Amino acid sequence: MREKNKLIEKRGKAILPLSFIMLIVFSMSVSAYSLDWGWVYNDPLTVSVYINSNVPNLSDVVSGYDNWDSLPEVDTYRSYNFNYTEAYIIYSSVSNDSYADTTKLGSSDWKQITIRPPFSTLTSTKRKETIAHEMGHCWGLNDIYDSSLLSGTIMRGTGFNNNPYPKQDDKNGIAALY
């Protein structure tokens, strides 16, 4: 009987650390989002978006940035006054091998999304996804390049999900920022 108790005690000592390690591993969640605190808006619930008159595929552009409005932390509205806006969407005929790109202009509250010529060759869904992706940069999210995480984010560094809406990990990133 004593030997049996010693055997059980030995197994218990071996199982306890293993159980602890498994608990830690399974309780950890993997987040794809990458944050850029220098890009956050001071008031994310009143971000005005100005769209230059030469921007192609206007309804897809509006839909793309509006797709973030379902999140409680952020909200956009269309502005028709260039002087009072936080996000500018313009078109440039200069191609740089991208569909669009985003830059910060001076203060963190001024961002510019530049649509490039290849943008018009995309399907409507991919145009919306492109603008939603670029608006993600405006909010403060970075590109994700880890191939195991790409399907869970609109902020993928390459390719498309063929879904123009922020995914759960994008939403978690916004919640962390705001």
Protein backbone atom coordinates (compact mmCIF):
# COMPACT_ATOMS: atom_id res chain seq x y z
CA MET A 1 0.00 0.00 0.00
CA ARG A 2 2.86 2.32 0.82
CA GLU A 3 4.42 1.76 -2.60
CA LYS A 4 1.12 2.58 -4.25
CA ASN A 5 0.88 5.87 -2.33
CA LYS A 6 4.46 6.75 -3.29
CA LEU A 7 3.66 6.04 -6.95
CA ILE A 8 0.58 8.25 -6.79
CA GLU A 9 2.61 10.96 -5.07
CA LYS A 10 5.31 10.81 -7.79
CA ARG A 11 2.74 11.01 -10.57
CA GLY A 12 1.02 13.91 -8.83
CA LYS A 13 4.28 15.82 -8.63
CA ALA A 14 4.86 15.30 -12.35
CA ILE A 15 1.32 16.15 -13.39
CA LEU A 16 1.04 19.36 -11.36
CA PRO A 17 3.72 21.35 -13.28
CA LEU A 18 2.46 19.98 -16.58
CA SER A 19 -1.09 21.04 -15.72
CA PHE A 20 0.13 24.51 -14.76
CA ILE A 21 1.98 24.91 -18.08
CA MET A 22 -1.06 23.74 -20.05
CA LEU A 23 -3.27 26.19 -18.15
CA ILE A 24 -1.00 29.08 -19.09
CA VAL A 25 -0.72 28.04 -22.74
CA PHE A 26 -4.45 27.58 -23.24
CA SER A 27 -5.40 30.77 -21.41
CA MET A 28 -3.18 32.93 -23.63
CA SER A 29 -4.94 34.50 -26.59
CA VAL A 30 -3.14 35.53 -29.74
CA SER A 31 -3.85 39.04 -30.94
CA ALA A 32 -3.07 40.02 -34.48
CA TYR A 33 -3.56 43.72 -34.00
CA SER A 34 -0.56 46.01 -33.93
CA LEU A 35 -1.03 49.51 -32.53
CA ASP A 36 0.48 52.87 -33.40
CA TRP A 37 -0.27 55.19 -30.49
CA GLY A 38 1.09 58.18 -32.43
CA TRP A 39 -1.83 57.92 -34.85
CA VAL A 40 -4.80 57.98 -32.47
CA TYR A 41 -7.50 60.62 -32.78
CA ASN A 42 -8.14 62.94 -29.84
CA ASP A 43 -11.89 62.53 -30.28
CA PRO A 44 -12.58 59.27 -32.16
CA LEU A 45 -16.36 59.72 -32.01
CA THR A 46 -16.42 62.79 -34.26
CA VAL A 47 -13.92 62.08 -37.05
CA SER A 48 -14.86 64.00 -40.16
CA VAL A 49 -13.90 62.62 -43.56
CA TYR A 50 -13.43 64.88 -46.58
CA ILE A 51 -13.46 63.23 -50.02
CA ASN A 52 -11.90 65.13 -52.90
CA SER A 53 -14.18 65.50 -55.94
CA ASN A 54 -11.88 63.48 -58.24
CA VAL A 55 -11.98 60.31 -56.11
CA PRO A 56 -13.29 57.38 -58.18
CA ASN A 57 -15.88 54.85 -57.02
CA LEU A 58 -17.34 57.23 -54.44
CA SER A 59 -20.01 54.92 -53.00
CA ASP A 60 -17.41 52.19 -52.33
CA VAL A 61 -15.12 54.74 -50.67
CA VAL A 62 -17.89 56.00 -48.36
CA SER A 63 -18.97 52.45 -47.56
CA GLY A 64 -15.37 51.47 -46.79
CA TYR A 65 -14.80 54.06 -44.09
CA ASP A 66 -18.38 53.77 -42.78
CA ASN A 67 -17.80 50.09 -42.01
CA TRP A 68 -15.95 51.11 -38.83
CA ASP A 69 -18.98 52.98 -37.48
CA SER A 70 -20.51 49.84 -35.97
CA LEU A 71 -17.81 49.97 -33.27
CA PRO A 72 -18.79 51.93 -30.15
CA GLU A 73 -15.33 53.52 -29.79
CA VAL A 74 -15.22 55.30 -33.16
CA ASP A 75 -17.51 57.21 -35.52
CA THR A 76 -17.05 59.06 -38.79
CA TYR A 77 -19.13 61.53 -40.69
CA ARG A 78 -18.70 63.06 -44.11
CA SER A 79 -17.44 66.62 -44.22
CA TYR A 80 -17.80 68.94 -47.18
CA ASN A 81 -15.40 71.50 -45.74
CA PHE A 82 -11.73 70.71 -46.36
CA ASN A 83 -10.62 73.06 -43.57
CA TYR A 84 -12.46 71.24 -40.79
CA THR A 85 -11.70 67.59 -41.22
CA GLU A 86 -9.46 64.89 -39.75
CA ALA A 87 -9.31 62.44 -42.65
CA TYR A 88 -8.76 63.48 -46.26
CA ILE A 89 -9.36 61.04 -49.10
CA ILE A 90 -7.77 62.09 -52.36
CA TYR A 91 -6.92 60.54 -55.71
CA SER A 92 -3.43 60.64 -57.19
CA SER A 93 -2.66 59.61 -60.77
CA VAL A 94 0.85 58.67 -59.59
CA SER A 95 1.09 54.91 -59.28
CA ASN A 96 3.36 53.40 -56.62
CA ASP A 97 2.41 49.72 -56.81
CA SER A 98 -0.34 50.09 -54.21
CA TYR A 99 -4.10 50.54 -54.37
CA ALA A 100 -4.02 53.22 -51.67
CA ASP A 101 -1.83 54.45 -48.84
CA THR A 102 -2.21 56.52 -45.71
CA THR A 103 0.01 59.25 -44.30
CA LYS A 104 -0.14 61.40 -41.20
CA LEU A 105 -0.11 65.13 -41.88
CA GLY A 106 1.39 67.08 -39.01
CA SER A 107 -0.69 66.47 -35.92
CA SER A 108 -2.09 63.04 -35.14
CA ASP A 109 -5.60 64.21 -36.01
CA TRP A 110 -4.82 64.85 -39.70
CA LYS A 111 -4.55 61.78 -41.92
CA GLN A 112 -4.61 61.47 -45.69
CA ILE A 113 -5.72 58.40 -47.62
CA THR A 114 -4.38 58.56 -51.17
CA ILE A 115 -6.14 56.37 -53.72
CA ARG A 116 -3.89 55.17 -56.55
CA PRO A 117 -4.78 54.20 -60.17
CA PRO A 118 -4.94 50.39 -59.58
CA PHE A 119 -7.78 50.98 -57.06
CA SER A 120 -10.34 51.29 -59.87
CA THR A 121 -9.44 47.84 -61.22
CA LEU A 122 -10.59 46.14 -58.02
CA THR A 123 -14.02 44.64 -57.42
CA SER A 124 -16.45 46.71 -55.38
CA THR A 125 -15.86 44.51 -52.31
CA LYS A 126 -12.08 44.88 -52.58
CA ARG A 127 -12.36 48.66 -53.00
CA LYS A 128 -14.44 48.84 -49.80
CA GLU A 129 -11.97 46.56 -48.03
CA THR A 130 -9.07 48.74 -49.20
CA ILE A 131 -10.63 51.91 -47.80
CA ALA A 132 -11.62 50.15 -44.56
CA HIS A 133 -8.01 48.94 -44.28
CA GLU A 134 -6.63 52.45 -44.85
CA MET A 135 -9.11 53.88 -42.35
CA GLY A 136 -7.74 51.31 -39.90
CA HIS A 137 -4.38 53.06 -40.29
CA CYS A 138 -6.10 56.39 -39.59
CA TRP A 139 -7.46 54.93 -36.34
CA GLY A 140 -3.97 53.74 -35.35
CA LEU A 141 -3.76 50.11 -36.51
CA ASN A 142 -0.68 48.77 -38.32
CA ASP A 143 -0.37 46.16 -41.07
CA ILE A 144 -0.16 42.49 -40.07
CA TYR A 145 2.16 40.20 -42.04
CA ASP A 146 2.03 36.96 -40.02
CA SER A 147 0.37 34.52 -42.46
CA SER A 148 -1.29 32.60 -39.63
CA LEU A 149 -3.17 35.76 -38.56
CA LEU A 150 -4.18 37.31 -41.90
CA SER A 151 -7.66 35.81 -42.11
CA GLY A 152 -8.57 37.38 -38.75
CA THR A 153 -7.90 41.01 -39.65
CA ILE A 154 -8.74 43.65 -42.21
CA MET A 155 -5.26 45.05 -41.53
CA ARG A 156 -3.49 42.33 -43.48
CA GLY A 157 -0.28 43.55 -45.08
CA THR A 158 -0.90 41.64 -48.31
CA GLY A 159 -3.89 40.32 -50.19
CA PHE A 160 -7.59 40.51 -49.40
CA ASN A 161 -10.15 38.75 -47.21
CA ASN A 162 -12.94 39.70 -49.65
CA ASN A 163 -14.82 41.12 -46.68
CA PRO A 164 -14.85 44.90 -46.19
CA TYR A 165 -15.74 44.84 -42.50
CA PRO A 166 -13.40 45.03 -39.50
CA LYS A 167 -12.91 41.61 -37.94
CA GLN A 168 -12.86 40.77 -34.25
CA ASP A 169 -9.14 41.33 -33.87
CA ASP A 170 -9.45 44.76 -35.51
CA LYS A 171 -12.25 45.58 -33.08
CA ASN A 172 -10.06 44.45 -30.18
CA GLY A 173 -7.29 46.73 -31.43
CA ILE A 174 -9.64 49.71 -31.59
CA ALA A 175 -10.89 48.92 -28.08
CA ALA A 176 -7.27 48.85 -26.86
CA LEU A 177 -6.57 52.24 -28.49
CA TYR A 178 -9.74 54.04 -27.44
